[in-house]
Each structure stands twice: as C-alpha cells, then as structure tokens.
PDB file of N, CA and C in Angstrom:
ATOM      1  N   MET A   1     -34.625 276.429  63.179  1.00  0.00           N
ATOM      2  CA  MET A   1     -34.619 275.478  62.099  1.00  0.00           C
ATOM      3  C   MET A   1     -33.368 275.561  61.081  1.00  0.00           C
ATOM      4  N   THR A   2     -33.014 274.549  60.716  1.00  0.00           N
ATOM      5  CA  THR A   2     -31.936 274.352  59.866  1.00  0.00           C
ATOM      6  C   THR A   2     -32.395 274.425  58.347  1.00  0.00           C
ATOM      7  N   ASP A   3     -31.477 274.450  57.295  1.00  0.00           N
ATOM      8  CA  ASP A   3     -31.900 274.520  56.177  1.00  0.00           C
ATOM      9  C   ASP A   3     -32.424 273.104  55.559  1.00  0.00           C
ATOM     10  N   THR A   4     -32.099 271.922  56.281  1.00  0.00           N
ATOM     11  CA  THR A   4     -32.390 270.610  55.809  1.00  0.00           C
ATOM     12  C   THR A   4     -33.928 270.507  56.256  1.00  0.00           C
ATOM     13  N   GLU A   5     -34.548 270.958  57.250  1.00  0.00           N
ATOM     14  CA  GLU A   5     -35.808 270.886  57.688  1.00  0.00           C
ATOM     15  C   GLU A   5     -36.746 271.501  56.714  1.00  0.00           C
ATOM     16  N   VAL A   6     -37.865 270.727  56.480  1.00  0.00           N
ATOM     17  CA  VAL A   6     -39.038 271.222  55.599  1.00  0.00           C
ATOM     18  C   VAL A   6     -40.122 271.669  56.228  1.00  0.00           C
ATOM     19  N   LYS A   7     -40.618 272.712  56.182  1.00  0.00           N
ATOM     20  CA  LYS A   7     -41.873 273.319  56.605  1.00  0.00           C
ATOM     21  C   LYS A   7     -43.057 272.663  55.910  1.00  0.00           C
ATOM     22  N   ALA A   8     -44.207 272.376  56.500  1.00  0.00           N
ATOM     23  CA  ALA A   8     -45.348 271.855  55.663  1.00  0.00           C
ATOM     24  C   ALA A   8     -46.012 272.985  54.983  1.00  0.00           C
ATOM     25  N   PRO A   9     -46.319 272.905  53.800  1.00  0.00           N
ATOM     26  CA  PRO A   9     -46.910 274.135  53.195  1.00  0.00           C
ATOM     27  C   PRO A   9     -48.288 274.595  53.825  1.00  0.00           C
ATOM     28  N   LYS A  10     -48.322 275.883  54.020  1.00  0.00           N
ATOM     29  CA  LYS A  10     -49.645 276.361  54.580  1.00  0.00           C
ATOM     30  C   LYS A  10     -50.557 276.800  53.536  1.00  0.00           C
ATOM     31  N   ILE A  11     -51.771 276.513  53.837  1.00  0.00           N
ATOM     32  CA  ILE A  11     -52.876 276.887  52.913  1.00  0.00           C
ATOM     33  C   ILE A  11     -53.416 278.362  53.113  1.00  0.00           C
ATOM     34  N   GLU A  12     -53.553 279.148  52.191  1.00  0.00           N
ATOM     35  CA  GLU A  12     -53.969 280.432  52.551  1.00  0.00           C
ATOM     36  C   GLU A  12     -55.461 280.384  52.399  1.00  0.00           C
ATOM     37  N   PHE A  13     -56.243 280.817  53.304  1.00  0.00           N
ATOM     38  CA  PHE A  13     -57.836 280.687  53.213  1.00  0.00           C
ATOM     39  C   PHE A  13     -58.318 282.083  53.037  1.00  0.00           C
ATOM     40  N   PRO A  14     -59.535 282.257  52.223  1.00  0.00           N
ATOM     41  CA  PRO A  14     -60.292 281.193  51.588  1.00  0.00           C
ATOM     42  C   PRO A  14     -59.143 280.579  50.190  1.00  0.00           C
ATOM     43  N   CYS A  15     -59.410 279.433  49.946  1.00  0.00           N
ATOM     44  CA  CYS A  15     -58.798 278.901  48.799  1.00  0.00           C
ATOM     45  C   CYS A  15     -59.762 278.498  47.815  1.00  0.00           C
ATOM     46  N   ALA A  16     -59.851 279.098  46.777  1.00  0.00           N
ATOM     47  CA  ALA A  16     -60.968 278.818  45.783  1.00  0.00           C
ATOM     48  C   ALA A  16     -60.963 277.502  44.894  1.00  0.00           C
ATOM     49  N   ASP A  17     -59.840 276.894  45.102  1.00  0.00           N
ATOM     50  CA  ASP A  17     -59.828 275.813  44.027  1.00  0.00           C
ATOM     51  C   ASP A  17     -59.024 274.624  44.933  1.00  0.00           C
ATOM     52  N   TYR A  18     -59.660 274.180  46.119  1.00  0.00           N
ATOM     53  CA  TYR A  18     -58.996 273.136  46.859  1.00  0.00           C
ATOM     54  C   TYR A  18     -59.516 271.873  46.495  1.00  0.00           C
ATOM     55  N   PRO A  19     -58.680 270.803  46.060  1.00  0.00           N
ATOM     56  CA  PRO A  19     -59.045 269.588  45.600  1.00  0.00           C
ATOM     57  C   PRO A  19     -59.251 268.669  46.800  1.00  0.00           C
ATOM     58  N   ILE A  20     -60.384 267.835  46.765  1.00  0.00           N
ATOM     59  CA  ILE A  20     -60.850 266.937  47.743  1.00  0.00           C
ATOM     60  C   ILE A  20     -60.941 265.524  47.033  1.00  0.00           C
ATOM     61  N   LYS A  21     -60.244 264.585  47.483  1.00  0.00           N
ATOM     62  CA  LYS A  21     -60.242 263.216  46.778  1.00  0.00           C
ATOM     63  C   LYS A  21     -60.740 262.162  47.902  1.00  0.00           C
ATOM     64  N   VAL A  22     -61.683 261.478  47.481  1.00  0.00           N
ATOM     65  CA  VAL A  22     -62.470 260.484  48.431  1.00  0.00           C
ATOM     66  C   VAL A  22     -62.323 259.292  47.937  1.00  0.00           C
ATOM     67  N   ILE A  23     -61.816 258.285  48.558  1.00  0.00           N
ATOM     68  CA  ILE A  23     -61.668 256.905  48.319  1.00  0.00           C
ATOM     69  C   ILE A  23     -62.531 255.950  49.224  1.00  0.00           C
ATOM     70  N   GLY A  24     -63.420 255.278  48.654  1.00  0.00           N
ATOM     71  CA  GLY A  24     -64.179 254.375  49.459  1.00  0.00           C
ATOM     72  C   GLY A  24     -64.839 253.169  48.591  1.00  0.00           C
ATOM     73  N   ASP A  25     -65.637 252.456  49.392  1.00  0.00           N
ATOM     74  CA  ASP A  25     -66.389 251.193  48.868  1.00  0.00           C
ATOM     75  C   ASP A  25     -67.284 251.672  47.750  1.00  0.00           C
ATOM     76  N   THR A  26     -67.207 250.855  46.526  1.00  0.00           N
ATOM     77  CA  THR A  26     -68.168 251.142  45.548  1.00  0.00           C
ATOM     78  C   THR A  26     -69.504 250.687  46.132  1.00  0.00           C
ATOM     79  N   GLY A  27     -70.688 251.388  45.713  1.00  0.00           N
ATOM     80  CA  GLY A  27     -71.812 251.045  46.022  1.00  0.00           C
ATOM     81  C   GLY A  27     -73.092 252.073  45.566  1.00  0.00           C
ATOM     82  N   VAL A  28     -74.119 251.678  45.549  1.00  0.00           N
ATOM     83  CA  VAL A  28     -75.256 252.469  45.295  1.00  0.00           C
ATOM     84  C   VAL A  28     -75.182 253.616  46.155  1.00  0.00           C
ATOM     85  N   GLY A  29     -75.368 254.882  45.644  1.00  0.00           N
ATOM     86  CA  GLY A  29     -75.398 256.193  46.295  1.00  0.00           C
ATOM     87  C   GLY A  29     -74.194 256.630  46.713  1.00  0.00           C
ATOM     88  N   PHE A  30     -73.042 256.113  46.488  1.00  0.00           N
ATOM     89  CA  PHE A  30     -71.790 256.477  47.053  1.00  0.00           C
ATOM     90  C   PHE A  30     -71.524 257.927  46.432  1.00  0.00           C
ATOM     91  N   ARG A  31     -71.706 258.025  45.127  1.00  0.00           N
ATOM     92  CA  ARG A  31     -71.378 259.538  44.672  1.00  0.00           C
ATOM     93  C   ARG A  31     -72.435 260.550  45.143  1.00  0.00           C
ATOM     94  N   ASP A  32     -73.568 260.159  45.272  1.00  0.00           N
ATOM     95  CA  ASP A  32     -74.626 261.237  45.891  1.00  0.00           C
ATOM     96  C   ASP A  32     -74.292 261.557  47.433  1.00  0.00           C
ATOM     97  N   LYS A  33     -73.951 260.618  48.098  1.00  0.00           N
ATOM     98  CA  LYS A  33     -73.624 260.759  49.491  1.00  0.00           C
ATOM     99  C   LYS A  33     -72.261 261.701  49.679  1.00  0.00           C
ATOM    100  N   ILE A  34     -71.341 261.399  48.929  1.00  0.00           N
ATOM    101  CA  ILE A  34     -70.095 262.215  49.027  1.00  0.00           C
ATOM    102  C   ILE A  34     -70.418 263.594  48.680  1.00  0.00           C
ATOM    103  N   ILE A  35     -71.087 263.921  47.541  1.00  0.00           N
ATOM    104  CA  ILE A  35     -71.392 265.253  47.087  1.00  0.00           C
ATOM    105  C   ILE A  35     -72.269 265.894  48.168  1.00  0.00           C
ATOM    106  N   ALA A  36     -73.092 265.172  48.691  1.00  0.00           N
ATOM    107  CA  ALA A  36     -74.053 265.898  49.773  1.00  0.00           C
ATOM    108  C   ALA A  36     -73.422 266.399  50.921  1.00  0.00           C
ATOM    109  N   ILE A  37     -72.329 265.557  51.436  1.00  0.00           N
ATOM    110  CA  ILE A  37     -71.665 265.954  52.533  1.00  0.00           C
ATOM    111  C   ILE A  37     -70.777 267.029  52.207  1.00  0.00           C
ATOM    112  N   LEU A  38     -70.182 267.154  50.902  1.00  0.00           N
ATOM    113  CA  LEU A  38     -69.313 268.277  50.672  1.00  0.00           C
ATOM    114  C   LEU A  38     -70.140 269.565  50.332  1.00  0.00           C
ATOM    115  N   GLU A  39     -71.348 269.433  49.762  1.00  0.00           N
ATOM    116  CA  GLU A  39     -72.105 270.635  49.631  1.00  0.00           C
ATOM    117  C   GLU A  39     -72.679 271.113  51.074  1.00  0.00           C
ATOM    118  N   LYS A  40     -72.653 270.268  51.968  1.00  0.00           N
ATOM    119  CA  LYS A  40     -73.311 270.580  53.217  1.00  0.00           C
ATOM    120  C   LYS A  40     -72.162 271.599  53.920  1.00  0.00           C
ATOM    121  N   HIS A  41     -70.896 271.342  53.538  1.00  0.00           N
ATOM    122  CA  HIS A  41     -69.758 272.199  54.362  1.00  0.00           C
ATOM    123  C   HIS A  41     -69.038 273.244  53.314  1.00  0.00           C
ATOM    124  N   ALA A  42     -69.298 273.117  51.888  1.00  0.00           N
ATOM    125  CA  ALA A  42     -68.588 273.911  51.256  1.00  0.00           C
ATOM    126  C   ALA A  42     -69.239 274.227  49.851  1.00  0.00           C
ATOM    127  N   THR A  43     -68.744 275.257  49.145  1.00  0.00           N
ATOM    128  CA  THR A  43     -69.215 275.441  47.714  1.00  0.00           C
ATOM    129  C   THR A  43     -68.436 274.572  46.777  1.00  0.00           C
ATOM    130  N   VAL A  44     -69.062 273.671  46.084  1.00  0.00           N
ATOM    131  CA  VAL A  44     -68.526 272.580  45.265  1.00  0.00           C
ATOM    132  C   VAL A  44     -68.660 273.021  43.848  1.00  0.00           C
ATOM    133  N   ASP A  45     -67.352 272.929  43.238  1.00  0.00           N
ATOM    134  CA  ASP A  45     -67.150 273.005  41.749  1.00  0.00           C
ATOM    135  C   ASP A  45     -67.605 271.928  41.011  1.00  0.00           C
ATOM    136  N   HIS A  46     -68.849 271.549  40.614  1.00  0.00           N
ATOM    137  CA  HIS A  46     -69.126 270.419  39.760  1.00  0.00           C
ATOM    138  C   HIS A  46     -68.484 270.201  38.554  1.00  0.00           C
ATOM    139  N   ASP A  47     -68.006 271.279  37.910  1.00  0.00           N
ATOM    140  CA  ASP A  47     -67.094 271.049  36.623  1.00  0.00           C
ATOM    141  C   ASP A  47     -65.898 270.328  36.755  1.00  0.00           C
ATOM    142  N   THR A  48     -65.411 270.146  38.145  1.00  0.00           N
ATOM    143  CA  THR A  48     -64.037 269.381  38.386  1.00  0.00           C
ATOM    144  C   THR A  48     -64.411 268.091  38.837  1.00  0.00           C
ATOM    145  N   PHE A  49     -65.621 267.427  38.701  1.00  0.00           N
ATOM    146  CA  PHE A  49     -65.996 266.320  39.245  1.00  0.00           C
ATOM    147  C   PHE A  49     -65.228 265.148  38.309  1.00  0.00           C
ATOM    148  N   ALA A  50     -64.633 264.223  39.010  1.00  0.00           N
ATOM    149  CA  ALA A  50     -63.892 263.022  38.377  1.00  0.00           C
ATOM    150  C   ALA A  50     -64.173 261.870  39.167  1.00  0.00           C
ATOM    151  N   GLU A  51     -64.588 260.666  38.624  1.00  0.00           N
ATOM    152  CA  GLU A  51     -64.828 259.479  39.242  1.00  0.00           C
ATOM    153  C   GLU A  51     -64.115 258.317  38.644  1.00  0.00           C
ATOM    154  N   ARG A  52     -63.553 257.474  39.494  1.00  0.00           N
ATOM    155  CA  ARG A  52     -62.931 256.274  38.797  1.00  0.00           C
ATOM    156  C   ARG A  52     -62.900 255.191  39.716  1.00  0.00           C
ATOM    157  N   LEU A  53     -63.250 254.113  38.962  1.00  0.00           N
ATOM    158  CA  LEU A  53     -63.141 252.788  39.821  1.00  0.00           C
ATOM    159  C   LEU A  53     -61.819 251.798  39.873  1.00  0.00           C
ATOM    160  N   SER A  54     -61.665 251.317  40.900  1.00  0.00           N
ATOM    161  CA  SER A  54     -60.254 250.573  40.982  1.00  0.00           C
ATOM    162  C   SER A  54     -60.511 249.397  39.949  1.00  0.00           C
ATOM    163  N   THR A  55     -59.253 248.783  39.718  1.00  0.00           N
ATOM    164  CA  THR A  55     -59.177 247.743  38.688  1.00  0.00           C
ATOM    165  C   THR A  55     -60.264 246.683  38.906  1.00  0.00           C
ATOM    166  N   ASN A  56     -60.559 246.279  40.075  1.00  0.00           N
ATOM    167  CA  ASN A  56     -61.440 245.086  40.379  1.00  0.00           C
ATOM    168  C   ASN A  56     -62.858 245.815  40.744  1.00  0.00           C
ATOM    169  N   GLY A  57     -63.071 246.958  40.595  1.00  0.00           N
ATOM    170  CA  GLY A  57     -64.342 247.526  40.852  1.00  0.00           C
ATOM    171  C   GLY A  57     -64.820 247.778  42.489  1.00  0.00           C
ATOM    172  N   LYS A  58     -63.957 247.193  43.319  1.00  0.00           N
ATOM    173  CA  LYS A  58     -64.299 247.271  44.671  1.00  0.00           C
ATOM    174  C   LYS A  58     -64.310 248.733  45.227  1.00  0.00           C
ATOM    175  N   TYR A  59     -63.454 249.558  44.885  1.00  0.00           N
ATOM    176  CA  TYR A  59     -63.292 250.805  45.219  1.00  0.00           C
ATOM    177  C   TYR A  59     -63.608 251.811  44.193  1.00  0.00           C
ATOM    178  N   THR A  60     -64.154 253.069  44.876  1.00  0.00           N
ATOM    179  CA  THR A  60     -64.440 254.304  43.789  1.00  0.00           C
ATOM    180  C   THR A  60     -63.627 255.419  44.247  1.00  0.00           C
ATOM    181  N   THR A  61     -63.066 256.148  43.419  1.00  0.00           N
ATOM    182  CA  THR A  61     -62.353 257.521  43.856  1.00  0.00           C
ATOM    183  C   THR A  61     -63.056 258.464  43.251  1.00  0.00           C
ATOM    184  N   ILE A  62     -63.556 259.626  44.012  1.00  0.00           N
ATOM    185  CA  ILE A  62     -64.152 260.749  43.631  1.00  0.00           C
ATOM    186  C   ILE A  62     -63.374 262.042  43.801  1.00  0.00           C
ATOM    187  N   GLN A  63     -63.192 262.824  42.873  1.00  0.00           N
ATOM    188  CA  GLN A  63     -62.321 263.963  43.086  1.00  0.00           C
ATOM    189  C   GLN A  63     -63.197 265.140  42.610  1.00  0.00           C
ATOM    190  N   LEU A  64     -63.180 266.280  43.529  1.00  0.00           N
ATOM    191  CA  LEU A  64     -63.990 267.562  43.347  1.00  0.00           C
ATOM    192  C   LEU A  64     -62.982 268.623  43.950  1.00  0.00           C
ATOM    193  N   HIS A  65     -63.141 269.924  43.423  1.00  0.00           N
ATOM    194  CA  HIS A  65     -62.633 270.941  44.045  1.00  0.00           C
ATOM    195  C   HIS A  65     -63.629 271.834  44.792  1.00  0.00           C
ATOM    196  N   ILE A  66     -63.266 272.236  45.853  1.00  0.00           N
ATOM    197  CA  ILE A  66     -64.245 273.237  46.707  1.00  0.00           C
ATOM    198  C   ILE A  66     -63.513 274.450  47.028  1.00  0.00           C
ATOM    199  N   ILE A  67     -64.288 275.412  47.666  1.00  0.00           N
ATOM    200  CA  ILE A  67     -63.884 276.714  48.098  1.00  0.00           C
ATOM    201  C   ILE A  67     -63.640 276.342  49.489  1.00  0.00           C
ATOM    202  N   ALA A  68     -62.326 276.246  49.943  1.00  0.00           N
ATOM    203  CA  ALA A  68     -62.055 275.943  51.319  1.00  0.00           C
ATOM    204  C   ALA A  68     -61.963 277.255  52.111  1.00  0.00           C
ATOM    205  N   THR A  69     -62.589 277.401  53.417  1.00  0.00           N
ATOM    206  CA  THR A  69     -62.755 278.680  54.154  1.00  0.00           C
ATOM    207  C   THR A  69     -61.952 278.607  55.348  1.00  0.00           C
ATOM    208  N   GLY A  70     -61.339 277.456  55.652  1.00  0.00           N
ATOM    209  CA  GLY A  70     -60.602 277.147  56.938  1.00  0.00           C
ATOM    210  C   GLY A  70     -60.234 275.885  57.483  1.00  0.00           C
ATOM    211  N   GLN A  71     -59.357 275.888  58.202  1.00  0.00           N
ATOM    212  CA  GLN A  71     -59.089 274.426  58.842  1.00  0.00           C
ATOM    213  C   GLN A  71     -59.979 273.660  59.445  1.00  0.00           C
ATOM    214  N   GLU A  72     -60.938 274.344  60.097  1.00  0.00           N
ATOM    215  CA  GLU A  72     -62.061 273.744  60.863  1.00  0.00           C
ATOM    216  C   GLU A  72     -63.074 273.164  59.979  1.00  0.00           C
ATOM    217  N   GLN A  73     -63.351 273.911  58.782  1.00  0.00           N
ATOM    218  CA  GLN A  73     -64.132 273.255  57.659  1.00  0.00           C
ATOM    219  C   GLN A  73     -63.649 272.195  57.131  1.00  0.00           C
ATOM    220  N   LEU A  74     -62.439 271.988  56.783  1.00  0.00           N
ATOM    221  CA  LEU A  74     -61.754 270.887  56.244  1.00  0.00           C
ATOM    222  C   LEU A  74     -61.820 269.716  57.284  1.00  0.00           C
ATOM    223  N   TYR A  75     -61.556 269.858  58.408  1.00  0.00           N
ATOM    224  CA  TYR A  75     -61.725 268.881  59.610  1.00  0.00           C
ATOM    225  C   TYR A  75     -63.099 268.362  59.709  1.00  0.00           C
ATOM    226  N   ASP A  76     -64.167 269.119  59.513  1.00  0.00           N
ATOM    227  CA  ASP A  76     -65.465 268.879  59.535  1.00  0.00           C
ATOM    228  C   ASP A  76     -65.827 267.809  58.458  1.00  0.00           C
ATOM    229  N   ILE A  77     -65.280 268.283  57.165  1.00  0.00           N
ATOM    230  CA  ILE A  77     -65.582 267.542  55.906  1.00  0.00           C
ATOM    231  C   ILE A  77     -65.018 266.183  56.244  1.00  0.00           C
ATOM    232  N   ASN A  78     -63.611 266.053  56.496  1.00  0.00           N
ATOM    233  CA  ASN A  78     -62.913 264.822  56.829  1.00  0.00           C
ATOM    234  C   ASN A  78     -63.808 263.915  57.756  1.00  0.00           C
ATOM    235  N   SER A  79     -64.167 264.495  58.947  1.00  0.00           N
ATOM    236  CA  SER A  79     -64.789 263.676  60.023  1.00  0.00           C
ATOM    237  C   SER A  79     -66.150 263.116  59.472  1.00  0.00           C
ATOM    238  N   GLU A  80     -66.779 263.936  58.798  1.00  0.00           N
ATOM    239  CA  GLU A  80     -68.228 263.455  58.525  1.00  0.00           C
ATOM    240  C   GLU A  80     -67.961 262.330  57.346  1.00  0.00           C
ATOM    241  N   LEU A  81     -67.053 262.522  56.476  1.00  0.00           N
ATOM    242  CA  LEU A  81     -66.856 261.459  55.402  1.00  0.00           C
ATOM    243  C   LEU A  81     -66.292 260.293  56.008  1.00  0.00           C
ATOM    244  N   ARG A  82     -65.342 260.275  56.844  1.00  0.00           N
ATOM    245  CA  ARG A  82     -65.028 259.151  57.678  1.00  0.00           C
ATOM    246  C   ARG A  82     -66.064 258.378  58.379  1.00  0.00           C
ATOM    247  N   ALA A  83     -66.819 259.174  58.980  1.00  0.00           N
ATOM    248  CA  ALA A  83     -67.954 258.549  59.920  1.00  0.00           C
ATOM    249  C   ALA A  83     -69.001 257.754  58.928  1.00  0.00           C
ATOM    250  N   THR A  84     -68.942 257.847  57.795  1.00  0.00           N
ATOM    251  CA  THR A  84     -70.077 257.120  56.895  1.00  0.00           C
ATOM    252  C   THR A  84     -69.814 255.545  56.960  1.00  0.00           C
ATOM    253  N   GLY A  85     -68.554 255.130  57.032  1.00  0.00           N
ATOM    254  CA  GLY A  85     -68.270 253.793  57.343  1.00  0.00           C
ATOM    255  C   GLY A  85     -67.744 253.155  56.034  1.00  0.00           C
ATOM    256  N   PHE A  86     -68.075 253.993  54.841  1.00  0.00           N
ATOM    257  CA  PHE A  86     -67.706 253.293  53.502  1.00  0.00           C
ATOM    258  C   PHE A  86     -66.524 254.180  53.109  1.00  0.00           C
ATOM    259  N   VAL A  87     -66.106 255.266  53.586  1.00  0.00           N
ATOM    260  CA  VAL A  87     -65.029 256.147  53.255  1.00  0.00           C
ATOM    261  C   VAL A  87     -63.864 255.539  53.819  1.00  0.00           C
ATOM    262  N   HIS A  88     -62.856 255.202  53.009  1.00  0.00           N
ATOM    263  CA  HIS A  88     -61.456 254.640  53.503  1.00  0.00           C
ATOM    264  C   HIS A  88     -60.345 255.837  53.661  1.00  0.00           C
ATOM    265  N   MET A  89     -60.355 256.670  52.701  1.00  0.00           N
ATOM    266  CA  MET A  89     -59.367 257.739  52.727  1.00  0.00           C
ATOM    267  C   MET A  89     -59.885 259.057  52.290  1.00  0.00           C
ATOM    268  N   VAL A  90     -59.538 260.069  52.762  1.00  0.00           N
ATOM    269  CA  VAL A  90     -59.795 261.598  52.212  1.00  0.00           C
ATOM    270  C   VAL A  90     -58.520 262.143  52.177  1.00  0.00           C
ATOM    271  N   LEU A  91     -58.216 262.661  50.857  1.00  0.00           N
ATOM    272  CA  LEU A  91     -57.004 263.381  50.449  1.00  0.00           C
ATOM    273  C   LEU A  91     -57.246 264.721  50.117  1.00  0.00           C
TER     274      LEU A  91
END
C-alpha cells in the first residue's frame, strides 16, 4: 500500500455510541417501526433521538445512537430496515 491509498476506518466493537440515520417515506407509524426494528437488534439511546422532515414533507430522517456489537448486527439492522419498503437509505 502506498501513502496515497486510504484505508477505510475500522470500527472497534462494541461501539457504545454508534449513530444510525434512516431516511424514508413520511407516514403514520414510520418512527415507531424504525425504533422497533432498532430495539430488536440493539440497545438504543433514546436521548439521542432526532427527527426531521424534508422541505416538502415527503421524506423523514430519523437518527439514533445504538450500542453496536458487531458487523453482523449492523448488516441485520440494515437488511431489516431496507426490507420495509419505505426506507430509502440507512447511514
């Protein structure tokens, strides 16, 4: 590897303050469904909850912090959120 190549940062698990941002269609129950999925897979810090609507109100962004225990857990969270059909992006 040369000096110009950049390595992706590695996450050290467990990570007690891992941010999850979910962007999806605004609708009834969006917040509750997202939180339920996150709580199924991880310990959620509800004090970090933030919700924002897009300018036209079509999309909602929810951000929370979780305790991330491993790569598989993050994959499972991402997969289940995307399978809802109303989540467009998970960051």
